[in-house]
Amino acid sequence: MFLRTFSPRLAGCMALLALAAPVWAQTTSASAPTAAIATSAQPALPAQLQDFTAYVDGVRKQFDVPGIAVAIVKDGQIVLEQGYGLREVGKPEPVDARTRFAIASNTKAFTAAALQMLAEQGKLSMDDRVIDHLPWFQMSDPYVTREMRIRDLLAHRSGLGLGAGDLLYWPPTSYSTKEVVQRLRHVPLATSFRSAYAYDNILFAVATLVIEQVSGQSYADFISQRIFAPVGMDESLVDMTQLKSGMDVAMGHAKFNFTELKPVPPMAWSNNSGAGGIYASVHDMAKWMNVQLAGGKLPDGKALFSEDSQKQMWSMLTPMKISEPPVPELKAMRPNFSGYGEGWFLSDYQGQRLVWHTGGWPGMVSRVTLVPELHLGVVVLTNQESGAAFNAVTYRVLDAYLGKDKKDWTAAYAAAVKKSEGNADESWSKHEAARAKSGKPTLPLASYAGTFHDPWYGDIEVSQQSGKLRMRFSKTAQLVGTMTPWQHDTFMVRWDDRALNADAFVSYALDADGKIREVRMEPVSPLTDFSFDFQDLRLSPAKTAKTSVTP
């Protein structure tokens, strides 16, 4: 079935909060030499990690990841920083410790730190109302608008649904950051304010604007000058647009047409950099982890931020439901508590508190994990959309430092992947079984064409071209595809960009006179990244439907 190899982007990483990521790739891999950076007085690896290179290469092979970079810090020292495999399939350049990857939502911790630093300077309070700094800010509910605090922007408890509003910048759109935030007033709420956890990215766009308003600097300048420079992250960049030819940069990879692993062009997210824009190497991320584990202190003893600020960032604001592992092999991962602080997930493993985050980007996913009481940190950056890979590597490292016996996490995550693939097949089979194959469209094909308007996204155009319907999102260059009849007044749109893995059903509702009243969309696969929030669109005809016919 074509749905077997859907691989989610995990933009906000909610899918990785399940104890296994939903679905990843099959089992071919590129091979390449490993590359490491030696450090003076580098501590020895634990005995359980003496075969670590072979283990990581096995992970790459199992989950079809061209390149992985790993850094481990312990007690303020770098234990390991090393690359494995290739920057890009078909090219000889290896991944090394200085290879930059998109760290995606691991950026959120930098945004949280920036706000806390501004609070320490007295330029804001984390309990200030957002409208104190952005008077024009609006949510769809006046109460939420009035009561939204700076801290709430970082905690995923606003009442928005999972990934709500992500289509305003994912895939890249032509909206500015301010235009994205201004459109929030039309994004519907799914729950009451502060009542439930639901991962979002759009409120980090609001946080980005608050940082700029209060500091008088662009977000990029603030992060570069106030965080990267003092930490020593000399190679890190705030956004893809800062990449230059010849830089040591990994290329992302995804499954095209659900089977073939191919490079994914870099994506700029300049209208929401605070949610996930940063590019960094494990060499730089090791420095960031050491600052975090030192309570905000820099190597020279000065404070980047205070211990009190860190306690706030690492304190649970939003409890999260604890799910059962999807397969028995992952039973050991079930936490006793789970929640979100300010830009960090909080949970436990084998009796140790974890402070961690994941990140997902087109062709790249990553994980940063801190064990504060052990002064231990591990970062895993990858150039394929395989959460299974970075989890298998992370938990091998954690077990080694916790003195646990070796566990075959590669096999455990492979079992979870297999189950997720089976669930995807089952979902598709249900769609097929429910489909009335003889249920032809009610109207002539040309009648489904027109411009349709959603209050928060804007216009989506459907035209008839060469006897087929074509859908185009007006602000998103990548969302262009062909609509084919599915059943009755429902179509399936297949995007021209086959790396998106986000085909969707498009359902028309007609009024009593057979005129189009509304259009709704939903992803075809349950494994489509949640940032394709098609289900939140409420499309209505922007004007009388017109037929746009080309030969």
Protein backbone atom coordinates (compact mmCIF):
# COMPACT_ATOMS: atom_id res chain seq x y z
CA MET A 1 0.00 0.00 0.00
CA PHE A 2 1.30 3.45 -0.82
CA LEU A 3 0.66 4.70 2.72
CA ARG A 4 3.18 2.30 4.25
CA THR A 5 6.08 4.64 3.81
CA PHE A 6 4.53 7.94 4.88
CA SER A 7 7.09 9.67 7.09
CA PRO A 8 5.89 12.57 9.25
CA ARG A 9 7.87 15.78 9.45
CA LEU A 10 7.21 16.21 13.17
CA ALA A 11 7.55 19.97 12.94
CA GLY A 12 6.46 20.48 16.49
CA CYS A 13 7.49 17.01 17.56
CA MET A 14 4.21 16.03 19.17
CA ALA A 15 4.35 12.71 17.36
CA LEU A 16 7.62 11.97 19.13
CA LEU A 17 6.04 12.33 22.54
CA ALA A 18 4.46 8.97 22.09
CA LEU A 19 7.00 6.50 23.32
CA ALA A 20 7.74 5.64 19.71
CA ALA A 21 7.62 7.94 16.73
CA PRO A 22 4.86 7.12 14.23
CA VAL A 23 6.57 5.80 11.12
CA TRP A 24 9.89 6.06 9.47
CA ALA A 25 11.85 4.68 6.59
CA GLN A 26 12.77 1.21 5.41
CA THR A 27 16.15 -0.49 5.60
CA THR A 28 18.73 0.62 3.10
CA SER A 29 21.52 2.99 3.98
CA ALA A 30 24.45 4.99 2.74
CA SER A 31 27.83 4.17 4.12
CA ALA A 32 30.60 6.60 4.92
CA PRO A 33 33.51 6.99 7.29
CA THR A 34 32.86 8.54 10.65
CA ALA A 35 34.43 11.82 11.65
CA ALA A 36 35.19 13.11 15.12
CA ILE A 37 36.70 16.15 16.82
CA ALA A 38 39.15 15.33 19.56
CA THR A 39 39.18 17.43 22.71
CA SER A 40 41.90 17.79 25.28
CA ALA A 41 41.56 15.57 28.32
CA GLN A 42 38.51 13.97 26.79
CA PRO A 43 36.91 11.62 29.34
CA ALA A 44 36.60 7.98 28.38
CA LEU A 45 33.29 6.58 27.25
CA PRO A 46 31.53 4.14 29.59
CA ALA A 47 32.21 0.47 28.85
CA GLN A 48 28.70 0.06 27.42
CA LEU A 49 29.55 2.60 24.69
CA GLN A 50 32.83 1.15 23.51
CA ASP A 51 31.01 -0.18 20.43
CA PHE A 52 29.10 3.08 19.93
CA THR A 53 30.30 3.72 16.39
CA ALA A 54 29.11 0.31 15.25
CA TYR A 55 25.85 0.82 17.11
CA VAL A 56 25.12 4.20 15.47
CA ASP A 57 25.97 2.82 12.05
CA GLY A 58 23.53 -0.03 12.74
CA VAL A 59 20.85 2.53 13.60
CA ARG A 60 21.55 4.37 10.36
CA LYS A 61 21.23 1.18 8.37
CA GLN A 62 18.02 0.04 10.08
CA PHE A 63 16.20 3.35 9.68
CA ASP A 64 17.77 4.49 6.40
CA VAL A 65 19.47 7.60 7.76
CA PRO A 66 22.36 8.91 5.63
CA GLY A 67 24.02 10.88 8.41
CA ILE A 68 23.90 11.27 12.21
CA ALA A 69 25.90 13.52 14.53
CA VAL A 70 26.10 12.93 18.29
CA ALA A 71 27.57 14.87 21.21
CA ILE A 72 27.70 13.73 24.84
CA VAL A 73 28.63 16.01 27.74
CA LYS A 74 29.23 14.90 31.31
CA ASP A 75 30.23 16.97 34.35
CA GLY A 76 30.97 20.00 32.19
CA GLN A 77 33.22 18.15 29.77
CA ILE A 78 32.66 16.92 26.24
CA VAL A 79 32.85 13.14 26.28
CA LEU A 80 32.13 12.66 22.59
CA GLU A 81 31.29 14.74 19.54
CA GLN A 82 31.26 12.78 16.34
CA GLY A 83 29.64 12.40 12.94
CA TYR A 84 28.58 9.19 11.23
CA GLY A 85 27.70 8.70 7.58
CA LEU A 86 27.10 11.22 4.83
CA ARG A 87 25.90 14.79 4.59
CA GLU A 88 24.07 13.88 1.40
CA VAL A 89 23.35 10.60 -0.35
CA GLY A 90 25.46 10.15 -3.47
CA LYS A 91 28.13 12.63 -2.37
CA PRO A 92 31.37 11.82 -0.52
CA GLU A 93 31.38 14.53 2.17
CA PRO A 94 31.03 12.92 5.61
CA VAL A 95 29.07 14.23 8.56
CA ASP A 96 31.38 15.48 11.29
CA ALA A 97 30.95 17.20 14.64
CA ARG A 98 30.82 20.61 12.95
CA THR A 99 28.21 19.73 10.35
CA ARG A 100 25.23 22.03 10.73
CA PHE A 101 21.74 20.57 10.87
CA ALA A 102 18.36 22.22 11.23
CA ILE A 103 17.55 21.73 14.92
CA ALA A 104 13.92 22.81 14.34
CA SER A 105 11.87 22.90 17.57
CA ASN A 106 14.98 22.63 19.71
CA THR A 107 15.06 26.35 18.90
CA LYS A 108 12.20 26.85 21.37
CA ALA A 109 14.57 26.57 24.34
CA PHE A 110 16.59 29.50 22.95
CA THR A 111 13.42 31.57 22.60
CA ALA A 112 12.46 30.80 26.20
CA ALA A 113 15.94 31.72 27.40
CA ALA A 114 15.78 35.01 25.49
CA LEU A 115 12.54 36.00 27.23
CA GLN A 116 13.91 35.06 30.65
CA MET A 117 17.04 37.12 29.99
CA LEU A 118 14.90 40.13 29.11
CA ALA A 119 12.88 39.56 32.27
CA GLU A 120 16.07 39.59 34.35
CA GLN A 121 16.91 42.96 32.82
CA GLY A 122 13.53 44.30 33.89
CA LYS A 123 12.37 44.86 30.34
CA LEU A 124 9.41 42.55 30.83
CA SER A 125 7.88 40.17 33.34
CA MET A 126 7.05 36.62 32.38
CA ASP A 127 3.61 37.32 33.86
CA ASP A 128 3.03 40.44 31.76
CA ARG A 129 0.05 40.26 29.46
CA VAL A 130 1.01 39.88 25.82
CA ILE A 131 -1.11 42.94 25.00
CA ASP A 132 1.11 44.99 27.34
CA HIS A 133 3.83 44.64 24.70
CA LEU A 134 1.80 43.95 21.54
CA PRO A 135 -1.42 45.98 22.01
CA TRP A 136 -2.80 44.75 18.68
CA PHE A 137 -2.48 41.05 19.63
CA GLN A 138 -5.74 39.09 19.45
CA MET A 139 -6.87 35.51 19.94
CA SER A 140 -10.28 34.34 18.75
CA ASP A 141 -11.64 34.67 22.31
CA PRO A 142 -11.53 38.11 24.04
CA TYR A 143 -10.89 36.55 27.45
CA VAL A 144 -7.88 34.63 26.15
CA THR A 145 -6.62 37.77 24.42
CA ARG A 146 -6.82 39.71 27.67
CA GLU A 147 -5.35 37.01 29.93
CA MET A 148 -2.59 35.54 27.72
CA ARG A 149 0.71 36.04 29.55
CA ILE A 150 4.25 35.93 28.19
CA ARG A 151 4.78 32.62 29.98
CA ASP A 152 1.72 31.14 28.29
CA LEU A 153 3.34 31.62 24.89
CA LEU A 154 5.88 28.93 25.80
CA ALA A 155 3.68 26.31 27.46
CA HIS A 156 1.24 24.85 24.88
CA ARG A 157 -1.84 25.51 27.01
CA SER A 158 -3.56 28.33 25.10
CA GLY A 159 -6.65 26.41 24.02
CA LEU A 160 -5.47 26.14 20.43
CA GLY A 161 -5.65 22.69 18.87
CA LEU A 162 -2.60 20.60 17.95
CA GLY A 163 -0.56 22.48 15.36
CA ALA A 164 -3.27 25.09 14.86
CA GLY A 165 -2.31 27.77 12.37
CA ASP A 166 0.84 26.00 11.19
CA LEU A 167 -0.23 26.29 7.54
CA LEU A 168 0.45 30.02 7.86
CA TYR A 169 4.19 29.21 7.64
CA TRP A 170 4.51 25.46 6.96
CA PRO A 171 5.42 24.76 4.20
CA PRO A 172 6.98 28.24 3.75
CA THR A 173 4.51 31.02 2.99
CA SER A 174 4.80 34.62 1.87
CA TYR A 175 3.27 35.97 5.10
CA SER A 176 5.45 38.08 7.41
CA THR A 177 5.75 37.17 11.10
CA LYS A 178 3.41 40.02 12.02
CA GLU A 179 0.86 38.90 9.42
CA VAL A 180 1.02 35.37 10.84
CA VAL A 181 0.31 36.66 14.35
CA GLN A 182 -2.41 39.04 13.18
CA ARG A 183 -4.26 36.09 11.67
CA LEU A 184 -4.37 34.35 15.05
CA ARG A 185 -7.62 36.17 15.82
CA HIS A 186 -9.34 33.90 13.30
CA VAL A 187 -7.73 30.59 14.35
CA PRO A 188 -10.36 28.63 16.31
CA LEU A 189 -9.76 27.39 19.85
CA ALA A 190 -10.20 23.70 20.58
CA THR A 191 -10.36 23.83 24.41
CA SER A 192 -10.67 26.39 27.15
CA PHE A 193 -7.67 28.48 28.17
CA ARG A 194 -5.00 26.62 30.20
CA SER A 195 -7.17 23.51 30.44
CA ALA A 196 -5.22 21.11 28.23
CA TYR A 197 -1.92 20.46 26.51
CA ALA A 198 -1.76 20.84 22.73
CA TYR A 199 1.53 21.50 20.96
CA ASP A 200 1.63 24.68 18.91
CA ASN A 201 4.21 26.67 16.98
CA ILE A 202 2.30 29.84 16.25
CA LEU A 203 2.57 31.31 19.75
CA PHE A 204 6.34 31.17 19.41
CA ALA A 205 5.88 33.60 16.52
CA VAL A 206 4.20 35.87 19.08
CA ALA A 207 7.15 35.32 21.42
CA THR A 208 9.50 36.25 18.57
CA LEU A 209 7.73 39.58 18.14
CA VAL A 210 7.76 40.25 21.89
CA ILE A 211 11.54 39.72 21.95
CA GLU A 212 11.95 42.13 19.05
CA GLN A 213 9.62 44.74 20.53
CA VAL A 214 11.20 44.68 23.99
CA SER A 215 14.86 44.36 22.98
CA GLY A 216 14.82 46.69 19.99
CA GLN A 217 16.71 44.04 18.03
CA SER A 218 15.68 41.54 15.41
CA TYR A 219 15.21 38.01 16.76
CA ALA A 220 18.22 36.86 14.71
CA ASP A 221 20.46 39.60 16.11
CA PHE A 222 19.34 39.00 19.69
CA ILE A 223 19.96 35.24 19.55
CA SER A 224 23.26 35.65 17.70
CA GLN A 225 24.67 38.43 19.88
CA ARG A 226 23.14 37.67 23.27
CA ILE A 227 23.21 33.85 23.27
CA PHE A 228 25.37 32.36 20.50
CA ALA A 229 28.31 34.72 21.04
CA PRO A 230 28.71 34.37 24.84
CA VAL A 231 28.07 30.61 24.73
CA GLY A 232 30.69 30.24 21.98
CA MET A 233 28.29 28.87 19.39
CA ASP A 234 30.32 30.48 16.62
CA GLU A 235 29.00 28.28 13.82
CA SER A 236 25.28 28.46 14.62
CA LEU A 237 22.78 30.32 12.46
CA VAL A 238 19.29 31.56 13.24
CA ASP A 239 17.74 30.73 9.89
CA MET A 240 18.43 28.86 6.66
CA THR A 241 18.77 32.16 4.81
CA GLN A 242 22.12 32.64 6.61
CA LEU A 243 23.62 29.51 5.03
CA LYS A 244 26.37 30.18 2.51
CA SER A 245 27.91 28.10 -0.24
CA GLY A 246 30.73 25.90 0.97
CA MET A 247 29.51 25.62 4.57
CA ASP A 248 29.60 22.25 6.31
CA VAL A 249 25.83 21.63 6.19
CA ALA A 250 23.78 18.45 6.12
CA MET A 251 21.16 17.99 3.44
CA GLY A 252 17.79 16.71 4.61
CA HIS A 253 16.34 13.53 3.10
CA ALA A 254 12.81 12.18 2.71
CA LYS A 255 10.97 9.45 0.86
CA PHE A 256 9.74 10.68 -2.51
CA ASN A 257 6.76 8.81 -3.90
CA PHE A 258 6.85 6.88 -0.63
CA THR A 259 9.77 4.68 -1.69
CA GLU A 260 12.90 6.51 -2.84
CA LEU A 261 15.15 8.35 -0.42
CA LYS A 262 16.15 11.68 -1.95
CA PRO A 263 17.44 15.06 -0.77
CA VAL A 264 14.94 17.67 0.40
CA PRO A 265 15.82 21.29 -0.42
CA PRO A 266 16.51 23.45 2.66
CA MET A 267 13.47 25.32 3.96
CA ALA A 268 13.44 28.87 5.33
CA TRP A 269 11.06 29.55 8.21
CA SER A 270 11.85 33.24 8.54
CA ASN A 271 8.27 34.15 9.52
CA ASN A 272 8.47 32.02 12.68
CA SER A 273 12.17 31.65 13.47
CA GLY A 274 11.52 31.50 17.21
CA ALA A 275 9.64 28.23 16.84
CA GLY A 276 12.24 26.33 14.85
CA GLY A 277 14.68 28.22 12.67
CA ILE A 278 18.15 27.49 14.10
CA TYR A 279 20.90 25.56 12.31
CA ALA A 280 23.65 24.20 14.58
CA SER A 281 26.26 21.47 14.89
CA VAL A 282 26.67 19.02 17.76
CA HIS A 283 29.94 20.86 18.51
CA ASP A 284 27.95 24.01 19.27
CA MET A 285 25.04 22.18 20.87
CA ALA A 286 27.46 20.55 23.33
CA LYS A 287 28.33 24.06 24.56
CA TRP A 288 24.63 24.91 24.91
CA MET A 289 23.98 21.74 26.91
CA ASN A 290 26.87 22.52 29.27
CA VAL A 291 25.49 26.01 29.93
CA GLN A 292 22.08 24.51 30.66
CA LEU A 293 23.54 21.87 32.98
CA ALA A 294 25.59 24.55 34.77
CA GLY A 295 22.44 26.48 35.72
CA GLY A 296 22.96 29.16 33.10
CA LYS A 297 26.65 29.78 33.81
CA LEU A 298 29.11 30.30 30.96
CA PRO A 299 32.58 28.71 30.94
CA ASP A 300 34.08 31.94 32.33
CA GLY A 301 31.75 31.80 35.32
CA LYS A 302 29.47 34.61 34.19
CA ALA A 303 25.75 33.97 33.99
CA LEU A 304 23.94 33.86 30.68
CA PHE A 305 20.76 33.58 32.74
CA SER A 306 20.16 32.96 36.42
CA GLU A 307 19.47 29.69 38.19
CA ASP A 308 16.04 31.05 39.08
CA SER A 309 15.29 31.62 35.40
CA GLN A 310 16.36 28.09 34.64
CA LYS A 311 14.14 26.73 37.41
CA GLN A 312 11.23 28.53 35.78
CA MET A 313 12.05 27.10 32.35
CA TRP A 314 12.36 23.62 33.84
CA SER A 315 9.21 23.80 36.01
CA MET A 316 6.11 22.06 34.74
CA LEU A 317 3.44 24.44 33.52
CA THR A 318 1.32 22.02 31.51
CA PRO A 319 0.79 18.40 32.62
CA MET A 320 0.60 15.85 29.83
CA LYS A 321 -1.22 12.56 29.61
CA ILE A 322 1.00 9.51 29.96
CA SER A 323 0.36 7.05 27.16
CA GLU A 324 1.09 3.35 27.16
CA PRO A 325 3.99 2.28 24.96
CA PRO A 326 2.85 1.18 21.49
CA VAL A 327 4.83 -2.08 21.72
CA PRO A 328 6.03 -4.16 24.70
CA GLU A 329 9.65 -3.60 23.67
CA LEU A 330 9.33 0.05 24.76
CA LYS A 331 7.77 -0.63 28.16
CA ALA A 332 10.87 0.63 29.98
CA MET A 333 10.33 4.10 28.54
CA ARG A 334 6.98 4.73 30.19
CA PRO A 335 7.50 7.79 32.44
CA ASN A 336 6.02 8.39 35.87
CA PHE A 337 5.36 12.04 35.05
CA SER A 338 5.21 14.07 31.87
CA GLY A 339 4.71 17.74 31.15
CA TYR A 340 5.95 20.89 29.49
CA GLY A 341 7.79 23.85 30.97
CA GLU A 342 9.07 26.85 29.03
CA GLY A 343 10.44 25.45 25.78
CA TRP A 344 11.30 22.07 27.35
CA PHE A 345 9.58 18.73 27.87
CA LEU A 346 9.87 17.29 31.38
CA SER A 347 9.64 13.61 32.26
CA ASP A 348 11.65 10.81 33.86
CA TYR A 349 13.47 7.64 32.88
CA GLN A 350 14.71 4.92 35.22
CA GLY A 351 14.24 7.20 38.21
CA GLN A 352 16.08 10.16 36.69
CA ARG A 353 14.50 13.47 35.73
CA LEU A 354 14.82 14.30 32.04
CA VAL A 355 14.70 17.76 30.47
CA TRP A 356 14.48 17.35 26.73
CA HIS A 357 13.08 18.38 23.39
CA THR A 358 12.84 17.12 19.85
CA GLY A 359 12.82 18.89 16.51
CA GLY A 360 11.45 18.09 13.07
CA TRP A 361 12.18 19.76 9.74
CA PRO A 362 11.90 18.73 6.09
CA GLY A 363 14.39 15.88 5.94
CA MET A 364 15.87 16.38 9.44
CA VAL A 365 14.86 15.43 12.98
CA SER A 366 16.76 15.76 16.24
CA ARG A 367 16.69 15.33 20.00
CA VAL A 368 18.38 17.11 22.92
CA THR A 369 18.22 15.34 26.31
CA LEU A 370 19.54 16.58 29.65
CA VAL A 371 19.78 14.55 32.88
CA PRO A 372 20.37 17.36 35.40
CA GLU A 373 21.20 15.27 38.46
CA LEU A 374 23.87 13.39 36.50
CA HIS A 375 25.16 16.54 34.76
CA LEU A 376 24.69 14.58 31.56
CA GLY A 377 23.55 15.76 28.14
CA VAL A 378 23.20 14.09 24.76
CA VAL A 379 22.23 15.62 21.42
CA VAL A 380 21.45 13.60 18.29
CA LEU A 381 21.05 15.36 14.94
CA THR A 382 19.96 13.44 11.83
CA ASN A 383 19.39 14.18 8.16
CA GLN A 384 16.39 11.90 7.65
CA GLU A 385 12.88 11.98 9.09
CA SER A 386 13.43 9.15 11.56
CA GLY A 387 12.55 9.78 15.16
CA ALA A 388 13.21 6.10 15.75
CA ALA A 389 16.87 6.70 14.95
CA PHE A 390 17.50 9.55 17.36
CA ASN A 391 15.57 7.80 20.13
CA ALA A 392 17.50 4.55 19.67
CA VAL A 393 20.78 6.45 19.95
CA THR A 394 19.66 8.59 22.90
CA TYR A 395 18.48 5.71 25.04
CA ARG A 396 21.63 3.69 24.40
CA VAL A 397 23.59 6.62 25.87
CA LEU A 398 21.24 7.08 28.83
CA ASP A 399 21.41 3.38 29.72
CA ALA A 400 25.21 3.48 29.64
CA TYR A 401 25.43 6.34 32.14
CA LEU A 402 22.68 4.90 34.33
CA GLY A 403 24.58 1.63 34.58
CA LYS A 404 21.86 -0.38 32.87
CA ASP A 405 22.44 -3.46 30.75
CA LYS A 406 22.57 -2.94 27.02
CA LYS A 407 19.18 -3.02 25.38
CA ASP A 408 18.60 -3.40 21.67
CA TRP A 409 16.79 -0.10 21.20
CA THR A 410 17.20 -0.44 17.45
CA ALA A 411 15.08 -3.58 17.45
CA ALA A 412 12.60 -2.05 19.89
CA TYR A 413 12.01 0.98 17.69
CA ALA A 414 11.92 -1.17 14.59
CA ALA A 415 9.00 -3.03 16.18
CA ALA A 416 7.26 0.28 16.86
CA VAL A 417 7.83 1.38 13.26
CA LYS A 418 6.39 -1.88 11.98
CA LYS A 419 3.28 -1.43 14.10
CA SER A 420 2.81 2.15 12.93
CA GLU A 421 3.13 1.05 9.33
CA GLY A 422 0.47 -1.56 9.98
CA ASN A 423 -1.81 1.04 11.53
CA ALA A 424 -1.36 3.24 8.47
CA ASP A 425 -2.28 0.35 6.20
CA GLU A 426 -5.35 -0.36 8.30
CA SER A 427 -6.43 3.28 8.11
CA TRP A 428 -6.12 3.25 4.34
CA SER A 429 -8.02 -0.04 4.11
CA LYS A 430 -10.89 1.48 6.08
CA HIS A 431 -11.03 4.41 3.69
CA GLU A 432 -11.09 2.03 0.76
CA ALA A 433 -13.81 -0.13 2.32
CA ALA A 434 -16.02 2.89 3.03
CA ARG A 435 -15.58 4.33 -0.43
CA ALA A 436 -18.53 4.17 -2.81
CA LYS A 437 -16.57 3.67 -6.00
CA SER A 438 -19.67 4.25 -8.09
CA GLY A 439 -20.39 7.52 -6.26
CA LYS A 440 -19.56 10.05 -8.94
CA PRO A 441 -19.39 13.82 -8.33
CA THR A 442 -22.80 15.48 -8.11
CA LEU A 443 -21.81 18.47 -10.24
CA PRO A 444 -19.92 18.89 -13.50
CA LEU A 445 -16.20 18.97 -12.76
CA ALA A 446 -15.89 22.65 -13.68
CA SER A 447 -18.44 23.58 -10.99
CA TYR A 448 -15.98 22.62 -8.24
CA ALA A 449 -13.51 25.25 -9.47
CA GLY A 450 -13.28 28.68 -7.91
CA THR A 451 -11.60 30.73 -5.23
CA PHE A 452 -12.33 29.63 -1.68
CA HIS A 453 -11.58 31.70 1.39
CA ASP A 454 -10.60 30.65 4.91
CA PRO A 455 -10.72 33.31 7.65
CA TRP A 456 -7.24 32.58 9.01
CA TYR A 457 -5.31 31.15 6.07
CA GLY A 458 -6.69 33.22 3.21
CA ASP A 459 -7.48 32.10 -0.34
CA ILE A 460 -7.19 28.68 -1.92
CA GLU A 461 -7.77 28.39 -5.64
CA VAL A 462 -9.21 25.45 -7.55
CA SER A 463 -9.01 25.61 -11.33
CA GLN A 464 -9.81 23.22 -14.14
CA GLN A 465 -6.82 22.52 -16.33
CA SER A 466 -6.74 20.01 -19.17
CA GLY A 467 -9.81 18.28 -17.81
CA LYS A 468 -8.44 18.00 -14.24
CA LEU A 469 -8.93 20.02 -11.08
CA ARG A 470 -5.85 21.70 -9.67
CA MET A 471 -5.61 23.11 -6.14
CA ARG A 472 -3.24 25.92 -5.20
CA PHE A 473 -2.76 27.53 -1.79
CA SER A 474 -2.30 31.22 -2.59
CA LYS A 475 0.44 31.89 -0.03
CA THR A 476 2.22 28.49 -0.09
CA ALA A 477 4.23 27.71 -3.21
CA GLN A 478 4.64 24.02 -2.37
CA LEU A 479 0.94 23.30 -1.86
CA VAL A 480 -0.06 22.76 -5.48
CA GLY A 481 -1.64 19.50 -6.57
CA THR A 482 -4.14 17.60 -8.64
CA MET A 483 -7.58 16.71 -7.28
CA THR A 484 -9.09 13.40 -8.38
CA PRO A 485 -12.62 12.20 -7.55
CA TRP A 486 -12.80 9.97 -4.49
CA GLN A 487 -16.52 9.55 -3.92
CA HIS A 488 -19.57 11.76 -4.35
CA ASP A 489 -18.45 15.35 -3.66
CA THR A 490 -15.14 14.36 -2.06
CA PHE A 491 -11.83 14.50 -3.92
CA MET A 492 -8.29 13.55 -3.02
CA VAL A 493 -5.55 16.10 -3.69
CA ARG A 494 -2.10 14.70 -4.43
CA TRP A 495 0.55 17.38 -4.05
CA ASP A 496 3.07 17.79 -6.85
CA ASP A 497 5.84 17.81 -4.22
CA ARG A 498 5.88 14.12 -3.33
CA ALA A 499 8.20 14.71 -0.37
CA LEU A 500 5.39 16.39 1.59
CA ASN A 501 3.60 13.13 2.45
CA ALA A 502 0.49 15.19 3.09
CA ASP A 503 -2.15 14.26 0.51
CA ALA A 504 -5.61 15.29 1.68
CA PHE A 505 -9.30 14.64 1.16
CA VAL A 506 -11.25 17.66 -0.09
CA SER A 507 -14.99 17.50 0.65
CA TYR A 508 -17.56 19.90 -0.79
CA ALA A 509 -20.87 20.61 0.97
CA LEU A 510 -23.76 21.75 -1.22
CA ASP A 511 -26.79 23.82 -0.30
CA ALA A 512 -30.39 22.95 -1.19
CA ASP A 513 -29.94 24.42 -4.66
CA GLY A 514 -26.82 22.43 -5.42
CA LYS A 515 -24.46 25.36 -4.90
CA ILE A 516 -21.19 24.95 -3.03
CA ARG A 517 -21.65 26.14 0.55
CA GLU A 518 -18.40 25.01 2.19
CA VAL A 519 -15.23 23.01 1.56
CA ARG A 520 -13.45 21.01 4.24
CA MET A 521 -10.13 19.16 4.14
CA GLU A 522 -8.41 16.45 6.17
CA PRO A 523 -5.16 14.50 5.76
CA VAL A 524 -5.46 11.14 4.03
CA SER A 525 -2.94 9.46 6.32
CA PRO A 526 -2.90 9.58 10.14
CA LEU A 527 0.88 9.79 9.81
CA THR A 528 0.86 13.12 8.00
CA ASP A 529 2.66 15.71 10.09
CA PHE A 530 0.21 17.55 12.32
CA SER A 531 1.49 20.89 11.04
CA PHE A 532 -0.56 20.27 7.91
CA ASP A 533 -3.63 21.37 9.85
CA PHE A 534 -6.02 21.08 6.90
CA GLN A 535 -8.83 20.07 9.26
CA ASP A 536 -8.93 23.58 10.73
CA LEU A 537 -9.73 25.21 7.40
CA ARG A 538 -13.30 26.47 6.89
CA LEU A 539 -13.40 27.27 3.20
CA SER A 540 -16.32 29.07 1.60
CA PRO A 541 -16.70 30.44 -1.92
CA ALA A 542 -14.96 33.81 -2.09
CA LYS A 543 -17.08 34.66 -5.12
CA THR A 544 -19.26 32.89 -7.63
CA ALA A 545 -17.38 29.83 -8.78
CA LYS A 546 -15.76 30.30 -12.16
CA THR A 547 -14.45 27.78 -14.56
CA SER A 548 -10.79 28.33 -15.43
CA VAL A 549 -10.12 26.15 -18.43
CA THR A 550 -6.84 25.81 -20.22
CA PRO A 551 -6.22 23.58 -23.22
